[in-house]
Amino acid sequence: MIEDHLKNIKSSLPENVKLVAVSKTKPVEEILKAYNAGHRDFGENKIQEMTDKWEQLPKDIHWHMIGHVQRNKVKYMAPYVHLIHGVDSLKLLKEINKQAKKNNRTINCLLQVYIAKEETKFGLDPEELTQLLEDNAFKNLDNVRVIGLMGMATFTENKEQINKEFNFLKTFYDQLKNKYGFKVLSMGMSSDYSVALLNGSTMVRIGSAIFGERNYD
């Protein structure tokens, strides 16, 4: 039962940790079950799918874009997206700013840090990220607000490696948070969120542990 899974996970999280229920590939009916159980934060990794769901579902839902973002699709989510997790370039931030301005909004974003030992993951290394934050072009973006960092650990059974990667991200986050006013550290998914919590995550993205395995048609 989705409602039971949701309740169990929420009761296991510290009070300061936000749960994003990852609803990608899941039908509107299943999202509604979680919504009716009181949940409001949902994560999707495809802009078109998220937009279709936004159109059909209650408007007090907070939609989180957790996948890799293509710049040409930002315009579709700009009217409503609550938080964009995977921002990995100044070019992308400029596009988000442009589309946010058109919609008379300020859009919250997280910068994605590359922490995994995998080529398939996206993100900035610490030096690139610091340069971006200090870039005058970034400082002139009035319609985006970077509120923290996001990272994805290597997909492995090796808890020691996952712990090391999350610990690295937390240390880096702590170095930046006061200077840049960061409030969110998004790390941890169904398979590794317990390790992320031990390392100070403030936002976890959990899908299969709530909705069951994903449907890939």
N, C-alpha and C. Protein backbone atom coordinates (compact mmCIF):
# COMPACT_ATOMS: atom_id res chain seq x y z
N MET A 1 0.84 -1.21 0.00
CA MET A 1 0.00 0.00 0.00
C MET A 1 0.87 1.26 0.00
N ILE A 2 0.62 2.12 -0.96
CA ILE A 2 1.39 3.37 -1.08
C ILE A 2 1.31 4.18 0.21
N GLU A 3 0.09 4.29 0.75
CA GLU A 3 -0.11 5.12 1.96
C GLU A 3 0.73 4.60 3.13
N ASP A 4 0.78 3.26 3.28
CA ASP A 4 1.55 2.67 4.39
C ASP A 4 3.05 2.88 4.19
N HIS A 5 3.51 2.68 2.96
CA HIS A 5 4.94 2.88 2.68
C HIS A 5 5.34 4.33 2.97
N LEU A 6 4.48 5.25 2.55
CA LEU A 6 4.73 6.67 2.75
C LEU A 6 4.83 7.00 4.24
N LYS A 7 3.86 6.48 4.99
CA LYS A 7 3.81 6.72 6.44
C LYS A 7 5.06 6.17 7.13
N ASN A 8 5.47 4.96 6.74
CA ASN A 8 6.63 4.32 7.37
C ASN A 8 7.91 5.10 7.09
N ILE A 9 8.06 5.54 5.84
CA ILE A 9 9.28 6.29 5.48
C ILE A 9 9.29 7.65 6.19
N LYS A 10 8.15 8.33 6.16
CA LYS A 10 8.09 9.65 6.82
C LYS A 10 8.41 9.55 8.31
N SER A 11 7.92 8.49 8.94
CA SER A 11 8.15 8.34 10.38
C SER A 11 9.61 8.02 10.69
N SER A 12 10.35 7.55 9.67
CA SER A 12 11.77 7.21 9.89
C SER A 12 12.70 8.40 9.61
N LEU A 13 12.15 9.49 9.05
CA LEU A 13 12.98 10.63 8.68
C LEU A 13 13.06 11.66 9.81
N PRO A 14 14.22 12.27 10.01
CA PRO A 14 14.31 13.37 10.97
C PRO A 14 13.38 14.52 10.54
N GLU A 15 12.98 15.33 11.50
CA GLU A 15 12.00 16.40 11.23
C GLU A 15 12.45 17.40 10.18
N ASN A 16 13.75 17.62 10.10
CA ASN A 16 14.25 18.66 9.17
C ASN A 16 14.45 18.14 7.75
N VAL A 17 14.09 16.88 7.48
CA VAL A 17 14.34 16.28 6.17
C VAL A 17 13.06 16.22 5.35
N LYS A 18 13.13 16.77 4.15
CA LYS A 18 11.99 16.79 3.22
C LYS A 18 12.02 15.53 2.35
N LEU A 19 10.86 14.91 2.22
CA LEU A 19 10.73 13.73 1.37
C LEU A 19 10.12 14.11 0.02
N VAL A 20 10.85 13.82 -1.05
CA VAL A 20 10.32 13.97 -2.40
C VAL A 20 9.95 12.57 -2.89
N ALA A 21 8.66 12.34 -3.11
CA ALA A 21 8.20 11.04 -3.59
C ALA A 21 8.40 11.00 -5.11
N VAL A 22 9.27 10.11 -5.56
CA VAL A 22 9.62 10.06 -6.98
C VAL A 22 8.54 9.26 -7.73
N SER A 23 7.77 9.99 -8.52
CA SER A 23 6.58 9.41 -9.15
C SER A 23 6.76 9.16 -10.64
N LYS A 24 8.00 9.22 -11.14
CA LYS A 24 8.23 9.02 -12.58
C LYS A 24 7.73 7.65 -13.00
N THR A 25 7.12 7.60 -14.15
CA THR A 25 6.49 6.41 -14.77
C THR A 25 5.22 5.96 -14.06
N LYS A 26 4.87 6.59 -12.94
CA LYS A 26 3.68 6.16 -12.19
C LYS A 26 2.45 6.93 -12.65
N PRO A 27 1.29 6.23 -12.71
CA PRO A 27 0.07 6.90 -13.18
C PRO A 27 -0.48 7.91 -12.16
N VAL A 28 -1.30 8.81 -12.66
CA VAL A 28 -1.93 9.85 -11.84
C VAL A 28 -2.67 9.25 -10.65
N GLU A 29 -3.32 8.10 -10.84
CA GLU A 29 -4.09 7.47 -9.76
C GLU A 29 -3.22 7.15 -8.55
N GLU A 30 -1.99 6.70 -8.82
CA GLU A 30 -1.10 6.35 -7.70
C GLU A 30 -0.58 7.59 -6.99
N ILE A 31 -0.33 8.64 -7.78
CA ILE A 31 0.11 9.90 -7.16
C ILE A 31 -1.01 10.45 -6.27
N LEU A 32 -2.24 10.31 -6.74
CA LEU A 32 -3.39 10.78 -5.95
C LEU A 32 -3.52 10.06 -4.62
N LYS A 33 -3.15 8.79 -4.59
CA LYS A 33 -3.20 8.04 -3.32
C LYS A 33 -2.25 8.68 -2.31
N ALA A 34 -1.04 9.01 -2.78
CA ALA A 34 -0.06 9.66 -1.90
C ALA A 34 -0.53 11.07 -1.53
N TYR A 35 -1.12 11.76 -2.50
CA TYR A 35 -1.64 13.12 -2.27
C TYR A 35 -2.74 13.08 -1.19
N ASN A 36 -3.65 12.12 -1.33
CA ASN A 36 -4.76 12.01 -0.37
C ASN A 36 -4.30 11.58 1.01
N ALA A 37 -3.09 11.02 1.07
CA ALA A 37 -2.50 10.68 2.38
C ALA A 37 -1.75 11.88 2.96
N GLY A 38 -1.83 13.02 2.25
CA GLY A 38 -1.25 14.26 2.78
C GLY A 38 0.09 14.68 2.19
N HIS A 39 0.58 13.91 1.20
CA HIS A 39 1.90 14.24 0.65
C HIS A 39 1.78 15.26 -0.48
N ARG A 40 2.75 16.19 -0.56
CA ARG A 40 2.66 17.26 -1.56
C ARG A 40 3.88 17.42 -2.45
N ASP A 41 4.97 16.75 -2.14
CA ASP A 41 6.21 16.92 -2.93
C ASP A 41 6.47 15.68 -3.78
N PHE A 42 6.47 15.88 -5.11
CA PHE A 42 6.67 14.77 -6.03
C PHE A 42 7.78 15.08 -7.03
N GLY A 43 8.55 14.05 -7.37
CA GLY A 43 9.69 14.24 -8.27
C GLY A 43 9.52 13.49 -9.58
N GLU A 44 9.86 14.15 -10.68
CA GLU A 44 9.80 13.55 -12.01
C GLU A 44 11.14 13.79 -12.71
N ASN A 45 11.46 12.92 -13.68
CA ASN A 45 12.73 13.12 -14.39
C ASN A 45 12.56 13.47 -15.86
N LYS A 46 11.29 13.55 -16.32
CA LYS A 46 11.04 13.98 -17.71
C LYS A 46 10.04 15.15 -17.68
N ILE A 47 10.41 16.25 -18.31
CA ILE A 47 9.61 17.47 -18.24
C ILE A 47 8.22 17.27 -18.83
N GLN A 48 8.14 16.57 -19.96
CA GLN A 48 6.84 16.38 -20.61
C GLN A 48 5.89 15.57 -19.73
N GLU A 49 6.42 14.50 -19.14
CA GLU A 49 5.60 13.66 -18.26
C GLU A 49 5.14 14.46 -17.03
N MET A 50 6.05 15.24 -16.47
CA MET A 50 5.71 16.05 -15.30
C MET A 50 4.64 17.09 -15.65
N THR A 51 4.76 17.70 -16.83
CA THR A 51 3.80 18.72 -17.25
C THR A 51 2.42 18.10 -17.46
N ASP A 52 2.38 16.91 -18.05
CA ASP A 52 1.09 16.21 -18.23
C ASP A 52 0.42 15.96 -16.88
N LYS A 53 1.22 15.56 -15.91
CA LYS A 53 0.68 15.27 -14.57
C LYS A 53 0.25 16.56 -13.87
N TRP A 54 1.06 17.60 -14.02
CA TRP A 54 0.71 18.90 -13.42
C TRP A 54 -0.65 19.37 -13.92
N GLU A 55 -0.91 19.16 -15.21
CA GLU A 55 -2.18 19.60 -15.79
C GLU A 55 -3.37 18.84 -15.21
N GLN A 56 -3.14 17.59 -14.81
CA GLN A 56 -4.25 16.75 -14.35
C GLN A 56 -4.45 16.74 -12.84
N LEU A 57 -3.44 17.14 -12.10
CA LEU A 57 -3.48 16.95 -10.65
C LEU A 57 -3.67 18.28 -9.89
N PRO A 58 -3.99 18.21 -8.58
CA PRO A 58 -4.22 19.43 -7.80
C PRO A 58 -3.03 20.38 -7.86
N LYS A 59 -3.36 21.67 -7.83
CA LYS A 59 -2.33 22.68 -8.07
C LYS A 59 -1.51 23.04 -6.82
N ASP A 60 -1.82 22.42 -5.69
CA ASP A 60 -0.96 22.71 -4.53
C ASP A 60 0.18 21.68 -4.41
N ILE A 61 0.35 20.84 -5.43
CA ILE A 61 1.49 19.93 -5.44
C ILE A 61 2.77 20.69 -5.78
N HIS A 62 3.85 20.35 -5.08
CA HIS A 62 5.17 20.90 -5.39
C HIS A 62 5.89 19.91 -6.31
N TRP A 63 6.13 20.32 -7.54
CA TRP A 63 6.78 19.44 -8.51
C TRP A 63 8.28 19.68 -8.52
N HIS A 64 9.04 18.60 -8.35
CA HIS A 64 10.50 18.66 -8.35
C HIS A 64 11.02 18.01 -9.62
N MET A 65 11.84 18.74 -10.38
CA MET A 65 12.47 18.16 -11.57
C MET A 65 13.81 17.56 -11.12
N ILE A 66 13.87 16.23 -11.11
CA ILE A 66 15.06 15.58 -10.54
C ILE A 66 15.97 14.97 -11.61
N GLY A 67 15.54 15.00 -12.88
CA GLY A 67 16.36 14.41 -13.94
C GLY A 67 17.27 15.43 -14.60
N HIS A 68 18.02 14.95 -15.58
CA HIS A 68 18.88 15.84 -16.35
C HIS A 68 17.99 16.75 -17.20
N VAL A 69 18.28 18.04 -17.19
CA VAL A 69 17.40 19.03 -17.85
C VAL A 69 17.95 19.44 -19.21
N GLN A 70 17.11 19.31 -20.23
CA GLN A 70 17.46 19.84 -21.56
C GLN A 70 16.97 21.28 -21.65
N ARG A 71 17.85 22.16 -22.09
CA ARG A 71 17.54 23.59 -22.08
C ARG A 71 16.30 23.92 -22.91
N ASN A 72 16.11 23.21 -24.03
CA ASN A 72 14.98 23.55 -24.90
C ASN A 72 13.63 23.16 -24.32
N LYS A 73 13.64 22.46 -23.19
CA LYS A 73 12.36 22.04 -22.59
C LYS A 73 12.02 22.80 -21.31
N VAL A 74 12.92 23.69 -20.90
CA VAL A 74 12.69 24.45 -19.65
C VAL A 74 11.38 25.23 -19.70
N LYS A 75 11.05 25.76 -20.88
CA LYS A 75 9.85 26.61 -21.01
C LYS A 75 8.57 25.89 -20.60
N TYR A 76 8.54 24.55 -20.75
CA TYR A 76 7.31 23.82 -20.43
C TYR A 76 7.05 23.73 -18.93
N MET A 77 8.12 23.71 -18.14
CA MET A 77 7.92 23.59 -16.69
C MET A 77 8.04 24.92 -15.95
N ALA A 78 8.51 25.95 -16.65
CA ALA A 78 8.74 27.25 -16.00
C ALA A 78 7.50 27.83 -15.30
N PRO A 79 6.27 27.59 -15.81
CA PRO A 79 5.11 28.18 -15.12
C PRO A 79 4.83 27.60 -13.74
N TYR A 80 5.35 26.40 -13.45
CA TYR A 80 4.88 25.74 -12.23
C TYR A 80 5.95 25.02 -11.40
N VAL A 81 7.12 24.71 -11.97
CA VAL A 81 8.07 23.85 -11.24
C VAL A 81 8.46 24.48 -9.90
N HIS A 82 8.55 23.65 -8.88
CA HIS A 82 8.86 24.13 -7.52
C HIS A 82 10.36 24.19 -7.27
N LEU A 83 11.07 23.14 -7.71
CA LEU A 83 12.52 23.08 -7.49
C LEU A 83 13.15 22.23 -8.59
N ILE A 84 14.23 22.75 -9.19
CA ILE A 84 14.99 22.00 -10.20
C ILE A 84 16.27 21.51 -9.54
N HIS A 85 16.41 20.18 -9.45
CA HIS A 85 17.51 19.58 -8.68
C HIS A 85 18.83 19.51 -9.43
N GLY A 86 18.77 19.21 -10.73
CA GLY A 86 20.01 18.83 -11.42
C GLY A 86 20.62 19.89 -12.30
N VAL A 87 20.84 21.09 -11.79
CA VAL A 87 21.41 22.16 -12.61
C VAL A 87 22.93 22.01 -12.65
N ASP A 88 23.47 21.89 -13.88
CA ASP A 88 24.90 21.59 -13.98
C ASP A 88 25.67 22.52 -14.92
N SER A 89 25.07 23.69 -15.23
CA SER A 89 25.82 24.65 -16.06
C SER A 89 25.22 26.04 -15.94
N LEU A 90 26.06 27.03 -16.23
CA LEU A 90 25.61 28.42 -16.25
C LEU A 90 24.62 28.64 -17.40
N LYS A 91 24.87 27.95 -18.53
CA LYS A 91 23.96 28.06 -19.68
C LYS A 91 22.54 27.65 -19.30
N LEU A 92 22.44 26.57 -18.55
CA LEU A 92 21.12 26.09 -18.13
C LEU A 92 20.47 27.09 -17.17
N LEU A 93 21.25 27.63 -16.25
CA LEU A 93 20.72 28.64 -15.32
C LEU A 93 20.20 29.86 -16.07
N LYS A 94 20.92 30.27 -17.10
CA LYS A 94 20.49 31.43 -17.90
C LYS A 94 19.15 31.16 -18.57
N GLU A 95 18.97 29.94 -19.07
CA GLU A 95 17.70 29.58 -19.72
C GLU A 95 16.56 29.52 -18.70
N ILE A 96 16.84 28.96 -17.53
CA ILE A 96 15.82 28.91 -16.48
C ILE A 96 15.43 30.33 -16.07
N ASN A 97 16.43 31.20 -15.95
CA ASN A 97 16.18 32.60 -15.59
C ASN A 97 15.29 33.29 -16.64
N LYS A 98 15.61 33.04 -17.90
CA LYS A 98 14.86 33.65 -19.01
C LYS A 98 13.39 33.20 -18.98
N GLN A 99 13.18 31.91 -18.81
CA GLN A 99 11.81 31.38 -18.81
C GLN A 99 11.06 31.76 -17.53
N ALA A 100 11.77 31.85 -16.42
CA ALA A 100 11.15 32.27 -15.15
C ALA A 100 10.66 33.71 -15.27
N LYS A 101 11.49 34.54 -15.90
CA LYS A 101 11.14 35.95 -16.10
C LYS A 101 9.86 36.09 -16.93
N LYS A 102 9.76 35.29 -17.99
CA LYS A 102 8.56 35.32 -18.85
C LYS A 102 7.30 34.98 -18.05
N ASN A 103 7.47 34.13 -17.04
CA ASN A 103 6.34 33.69 -16.22
C ASN A 103 6.21 34.49 -14.92
N ASN A 104 7.00 35.56 -14.82
CA ASN A 104 6.97 36.42 -13.64
C ASN A 104 7.19 35.63 -12.35
N ARG A 105 8.20 34.76 -12.39
CA ARG A 105 8.50 33.90 -11.25
C ARG A 105 9.99 33.95 -10.93
N THR A 106 10.31 33.51 -9.72
CA THR A 106 11.70 33.18 -9.38
C THR A 106 11.72 31.69 -9.12
N ILE A 107 12.58 30.97 -9.83
CA ILE A 107 12.60 29.51 -9.72
C ILE A 107 13.79 29.06 -8.87
N ASN A 108 13.49 28.23 -7.88
CA ASN A 108 14.52 27.68 -7.01
C ASN A 108 15.26 26.54 -7.70
N CYS A 109 16.58 26.51 -7.52
CA CYS A 109 17.42 25.49 -8.17
C CYS A 109 18.44 24.95 -7.18
N LEU A 110 18.88 23.72 -7.46
CA LEU A 110 20.03 23.13 -6.76
C LEU A 110 21.12 22.88 -7.80
N LEU A 111 22.35 23.11 -7.42
CA LEU A 111 23.46 22.80 -8.31
C LEU A 111 23.89 21.36 -8.08
N GLN A 112 24.03 20.61 -9.16
CA GLN A 112 24.40 19.20 -9.04
C GLN A 112 25.91 19.04 -9.02
N VAL A 113 26.40 18.36 -7.98
CA VAL A 113 27.83 18.11 -7.82
C VAL A 113 28.12 16.67 -8.26
N TYR A 114 29.16 16.53 -9.06
CA TYR A 114 29.55 15.19 -9.52
C TYR A 114 30.35 14.51 -8.42
N ILE A 115 29.75 13.50 -7.80
CA ILE A 115 30.45 12.81 -6.70
C ILE A 115 30.67 11.33 -6.98
N ALA A 116 29.97 10.78 -7.99
CA ALA A 116 30.02 9.33 -8.23
C ALA A 116 31.21 8.92 -9.07
N LYS A 117 31.57 7.65 -8.94
CA LYS A 117 32.64 7.08 -9.77
C LYS A 117 32.00 6.41 -10.99
N GLU A 118 31.16 7.17 -11.69
CA GLU A 118 30.47 6.63 -12.87
C GLU A 118 30.41 7.70 -13.96
N GLU A 119 30.66 7.28 -15.17
CA GLU A 119 30.64 8.22 -16.30
C GLU A 119 29.22 8.69 -16.63
N THR A 120 28.21 7.91 -16.22
CA THR A 120 26.83 8.23 -16.64
C THR A 120 26.22 9.36 -15.82
N LYS A 121 26.83 9.73 -14.71
CA LYS A 121 26.27 10.78 -13.87
C LYS A 121 26.68 12.16 -14.38
N PHE A 122 25.80 13.14 -14.15
CA PHE A 122 26.09 14.52 -14.54
C PHE A 122 26.54 15.30 -13.30
N GLY A 123 26.99 16.54 -13.53
CA GLY A 123 27.29 17.40 -12.40
C GLY A 123 28.56 18.21 -12.59
N LEU A 124 28.74 19.16 -11.69
CA LEU A 124 29.91 20.03 -11.70
C LEU A 124 30.91 19.52 -10.67
N ASP A 125 32.21 19.71 -10.93
CA ASP A 125 33.15 19.42 -9.86
C ASP A 125 33.24 20.67 -8.97
N PRO A 126 33.77 20.54 -7.75
CA PRO A 126 33.76 21.66 -6.81
C PRO A 126 34.35 22.96 -7.36
N GLU A 127 35.42 22.83 -8.15
CA GLU A 127 36.06 24.03 -8.69
C GLU A 127 35.14 24.73 -9.69
N GLU A 128 34.53 23.95 -10.58
CA GLU A 128 33.59 24.52 -11.57
C GLU A 128 32.41 25.18 -10.88
N LEU A 129 31.93 24.51 -9.83
CA LEU A 129 30.75 25.03 -9.13
C LEU A 129 31.07 26.36 -8.43
N THR A 130 32.22 26.42 -7.79
CA THR A 130 32.62 27.65 -7.11
C THR A 130 32.81 28.79 -8.12
N GLN A 131 33.40 28.48 -9.28
CA GLN A 131 33.58 29.49 -10.34
C GLN A 131 32.23 30.00 -10.82
N LEU A 132 31.27 29.10 -10.97
CA LEU A 132 29.93 29.49 -11.42
C LEU A 132 29.30 30.48 -10.43
N LEU A 133 29.40 30.15 -9.14
CA LEU A 133 28.79 31.02 -8.11
C LEU A 133 29.43 32.40 -8.06
N GLU A 134 30.69 32.49 -8.47
CA GLU A 134 31.41 33.77 -8.42
C GLU A 134 31.34 34.53 -9.75
N ASP A 135 30.75 33.91 -10.76
CA ASP A 135 30.67 34.52 -12.09
C ASP A 135 29.67 35.68 -12.07
N ASN A 136 30.06 36.81 -12.62
CA ASN A 136 29.17 37.98 -12.65
C ASN A 136 27.88 37.70 -13.41
N ALA A 137 27.99 36.87 -14.45
CA ALA A 137 26.79 36.52 -15.23
C ALA A 137 25.77 35.79 -14.35
N PHE A 138 26.26 34.96 -13.44
CA PHE A 138 25.37 34.26 -12.51
C PHE A 138 24.75 35.26 -11.53
N LYS A 139 25.57 36.16 -11.03
CA LYS A 139 25.08 37.12 -10.03
C LYS A 139 24.01 38.06 -10.60
N ASN A 140 23.97 38.18 -11.91
CA ASN A 140 22.97 39.05 -12.55
C ASN A 140 21.67 38.34 -12.91
N LEU A 141 21.56 37.07 -12.56
CA LEU A 141 20.33 36.33 -12.85
C LEU A 141 19.32 36.59 -11.72
N ASP A 142 18.32 37.41 -12.01
CA ASP A 142 17.39 37.83 -10.96
C ASP A 142 16.21 36.88 -10.74
N ASN A 143 16.01 35.95 -11.68
CA ASN A 143 14.81 35.10 -11.59
C ASN A 143 15.12 33.64 -11.29
N VAL A 144 16.35 33.38 -10.87
CA VAL A 144 16.67 32.06 -10.33
C VAL A 144 17.28 32.25 -8.94
N ARG A 145 17.03 31.26 -8.10
CA ARG A 145 17.61 31.30 -6.76
C ARG A 145 18.23 29.95 -6.46
N VAL A 146 19.56 29.91 -6.34
CA VAL A 146 20.23 28.65 -6.00
C VAL A 146 20.17 28.49 -4.48
N ILE A 147 19.46 27.44 -4.04
CA ILE A 147 19.22 27.28 -2.59
C ILE A 147 20.00 26.11 -1.98
N GLY A 148 20.83 25.45 -2.79
CA GLY A 148 21.61 24.35 -2.22
C GLY A 148 22.23 23.47 -3.28
N LEU A 149 22.63 22.28 -2.85
CA LEU A 149 23.34 21.34 -3.71
C LEU A 149 22.63 20.00 -3.77
N MET A 150 22.89 19.27 -4.86
CA MET A 150 22.37 17.92 -5.03
C MET A 150 23.48 17.02 -5.53
N GLY A 151 23.45 15.76 -5.11
CA GLY A 151 24.43 14.81 -5.62
C GLY A 151 23.88 13.40 -5.62
N MET A 152 24.37 12.60 -6.56
CA MET A 152 23.98 11.19 -6.65
C MET A 152 25.20 10.31 -6.48
N ALA A 153 25.11 9.40 -5.53
CA ALA A 153 26.24 8.50 -5.27
C ALA A 153 26.32 7.42 -6.34
N THR A 154 27.45 6.76 -6.38
CA THR A 154 27.63 5.63 -7.29
C THR A 154 26.59 4.55 -6.99
N PHE A 155 26.07 3.92 -8.04
CA PHE A 155 25.09 2.85 -7.86
C PHE A 155 25.87 1.57 -7.55
N THR A 156 26.01 1.27 -6.27
CA THR A 156 26.84 0.15 -5.84
C THR A 156 26.32 -0.39 -4.51
N GLU A 157 26.68 -1.63 -4.22
CA GLU A 157 26.34 -2.24 -2.92
C GLU A 157 27.35 -1.80 -1.85
N ASN A 158 28.43 -1.18 -2.28
CA ASN A 158 29.52 -0.81 -1.37
C ASN A 158 29.14 0.42 -0.55
N LYS A 159 28.63 0.17 0.66
CA LYS A 159 28.15 1.27 1.52
C LYS A 159 29.28 2.22 1.92
N GLU A 160 30.48 1.68 2.01
CA GLU A 160 31.63 2.51 2.39
C GLU A 160 31.91 3.58 1.33
N GLN A 161 31.81 3.17 0.08
CA GLN A 161 32.02 4.12 -1.02
C GLN A 161 30.92 5.18 -1.05
N ILE A 162 29.67 4.72 -0.90
CA ILE A 162 28.53 5.66 -0.88
C ILE A 162 28.70 6.66 0.26
N ASN A 163 29.08 6.15 1.42
CA ASN A 163 29.28 7.00 2.59
C ASN A 163 30.36 8.05 2.32
N LYS A 164 31.44 7.63 1.69
CA LYS A 164 32.56 8.53 1.36
C LYS A 164 32.09 9.65 0.42
N GLU A 165 31.28 9.28 -0.58
CA GLU A 165 30.81 10.27 -1.56
C GLU A 165 29.85 11.27 -0.93
N PHE A 166 28.93 10.77 -0.11
CA PHE A 166 27.99 11.68 0.57
C PHE A 166 28.72 12.57 1.58
N ASN A 167 29.70 12.01 2.25
CA ASN A 167 30.47 12.78 3.22
C ASN A 167 31.23 13.91 2.53
N PHE A 168 31.78 13.61 1.37
CA PHE A 168 32.48 14.63 0.57
C PHE A 168 31.53 15.78 0.21
N LEU A 169 30.31 15.41 -0.22
CA LEU A 169 29.34 16.44 -0.62
C LEU A 169 28.90 17.28 0.58
N LYS A 170 28.69 16.63 1.72
CA LYS A 170 28.27 17.37 2.93
C LYS A 170 29.36 18.36 3.36
N THR A 171 30.61 17.92 3.30
CA THR A 171 31.74 18.79 3.67
C THR A 171 31.80 20.01 2.75
N PHE A 172 31.62 19.77 1.46
CA PHE A 172 31.64 20.85 0.47
C PHE A 172 30.46 21.81 0.71
N TYR A 173 29.29 21.23 0.95
CA TYR A 173 28.07 22.02 1.24
C TYR A 173 28.29 22.93 2.46
N ASP A 174 28.90 22.37 3.50
CA ASP A 174 29.15 23.15 4.72
C ASP A 174 30.10 24.32 4.48
N GLN A 175 31.02 24.13 3.55
CA GLN A 175 31.96 25.21 3.22
C GLN A 175 31.26 26.38 2.53
N LEU A 176 30.18 26.09 1.82
CA LEU A 176 29.51 27.11 1.00
C LEU A 176 28.25 27.70 1.62
N LYS A 177 27.60 26.95 2.50
CA LYS A 177 26.22 27.29 2.86
C LYS A 177 26.04 28.67 3.48
N ASN A 178 26.94 29.08 4.34
CA ASN A 178 26.77 30.39 4.98
C ASN A 178 27.01 31.53 4.00
N LYS A 179 28.03 31.39 3.18
CA LYS A 179 28.37 32.44 2.22
C LYS A 179 27.25 32.65 1.20
N TYR A 180 26.63 31.55 0.75
CA TYR A 180 25.64 31.65 -0.33
C TYR A 180 24.20 31.44 0.14
N GLY A 181 24.02 31.29 1.44
CA GLY A 181 22.66 31.16 1.98
C GLY A 181 21.98 29.85 1.61
N PHE A 182 22.76 28.78 1.46
CA PHE A 182 22.17 27.49 1.09
C PHE A 182 21.36 26.91 2.25
N LYS A 183 20.26 26.23 1.89
CA LYS A 183 19.39 25.60 2.89
C LYS A 183 19.11 24.14 2.61
N VAL A 184 19.39 23.70 1.36
CA VAL A 184 19.00 22.35 0.95
C VAL A 184 20.20 21.54 0.48
N LEU A 185 20.31 20.33 1.03
CA LEU A 185 21.29 19.36 0.56
C LEU A 185 20.51 18.10 0.17
N SER A 186 20.31 17.95 -1.14
CA SER A 186 19.49 16.85 -1.66
C SER A 186 20.37 15.68 -2.04
N MET A 187 20.35 14.64 -1.20
CA MET A 187 21.09 13.42 -1.52
C MET A 187 20.42 12.24 -0.84
N GLY A 188 20.39 11.13 -1.57
CA GLY A 188 19.77 9.92 -1.04
C GLY A 188 18.53 9.52 -1.81
N MET A 189 18.52 8.24 -2.26
CA MET A 189 17.37 7.67 -2.96
C MET A 189 16.97 6.39 -2.22
N SER A 190 16.02 5.64 -2.79
CA SER A 190 15.50 4.44 -2.10
C SER A 190 16.62 3.53 -1.60
N SER A 191 17.65 3.33 -2.43
CA SER A 191 18.69 2.34 -2.09
C SER A 191 19.73 2.85 -1.10
N ASP A 192 19.87 4.18 -0.97
CA ASP A 192 20.98 4.68 -0.15
C ASP A 192 20.61 5.85 0.77
N TYR A 193 19.30 6.11 0.95
CA TYR A 193 18.94 7.30 1.73
C TYR A 193 19.33 7.20 3.21
N SER A 194 19.41 5.97 3.73
CA SER A 194 19.80 5.83 5.15
C SER A 194 21.24 6.31 5.34
N VAL A 195 22.10 6.05 4.35
CA VAL A 195 23.50 6.52 4.41
C VAL A 195 23.53 8.04 4.23
N ALA A 196 22.67 8.56 3.32
CA ALA A 196 22.61 10.01 3.09
C ALA A 196 22.18 10.74 4.37
N LEU A 197 21.23 10.16 5.10
CA LEU A 197 20.75 10.80 6.34
C LEU A 197 21.86 10.88 7.38
N LEU A 198 22.67 9.84 7.45
CA LEU A 198 23.80 9.84 8.40
C LEU A 198 24.80 10.93 8.07
N ASN A 199 24.79 11.35 6.79
CA ASN A 199 25.73 12.39 6.34
C ASN A 199 25.09 13.77 6.24
N GLY A 200 23.90 13.94 6.83
CA GLY A 200 23.32 15.27 6.93
C GLY A 200 22.46 15.73 5.77
N SER A 201 21.92 14.79 4.97
CA SER A 201 21.01 15.18 3.90
C SER A 201 19.78 15.87 4.47
N THR A 202 19.28 16.90 3.77
CA THR A 202 18.04 17.57 4.21
C THR A 202 16.88 17.28 3.27
N MET A 203 17.16 16.52 2.18
CA MET A 203 16.10 16.19 1.22
C MET A 203 16.44 14.84 0.57
N VAL A 204 15.49 13.90 0.63
CA VAL A 204 15.71 12.59 0.02
C VAL A 204 14.68 12.37 -1.09
N ARG A 205 15.10 11.64 -2.12
CA ARG A 205 14.26 11.39 -3.29
C ARG A 205 13.96 9.90 -3.35
N ILE A 206 12.76 9.53 -2.96
CA ILE A 206 12.45 8.10 -2.80
C ILE A 206 11.27 7.71 -3.69
N GLY A 207 11.50 6.71 -4.55
CA GLY A 207 10.46 6.27 -5.47
C GLY A 207 9.99 4.86 -5.22
N SER A 208 10.86 3.87 -5.53
CA SER A 208 10.43 2.47 -5.48
C SER A 208 10.04 2.02 -4.08
N ALA A 209 10.63 2.59 -3.05
CA ALA A 209 10.25 2.21 -1.68
C ALA A 209 8.85 2.71 -1.30
N ILE A 210 8.31 3.64 -2.09
CA ILE A 210 6.94 4.13 -1.87
C ILE A 210 5.98 3.50 -2.87
N PHE A 211 6.32 3.59 -4.15
CA PHE A 211 5.39 3.19 -5.22
C PHE A 211 5.64 1.78 -5.75
N GLY A 212 6.71 1.12 -5.29
CA GLY A 212 7.07 -0.17 -5.89
C GLY A 212 7.99 0.08 -7.08
N GLU A 213 8.42 -1.01 -7.69
CA GLU A 213 9.34 -0.88 -8.83
C GLU A 213 8.70 -0.09 -9.97
N ARG A 214 9.55 0.59 -10.76
CA ARG A 214 9.03 1.44 -11.83
C ARG A 214 8.50 0.64 -13.00
N ASN A 215 7.55 1.26 -13.71
CA ASN A 215 6.99 0.63 -14.90
C ASN A 215 7.71 1.17 -16.13
N TYR A 216 8.49 0.35 -16.78
CA TYR A 216 9.13 0.78 -18.03
C TYR A 216 8.45 0.05 -19.18
N ASP A 217 7.57 0.75 -19.87
CA ASP A 217 6.84 0.10 -20.96
C ASP A 217 7.72 -0.03 -22.19
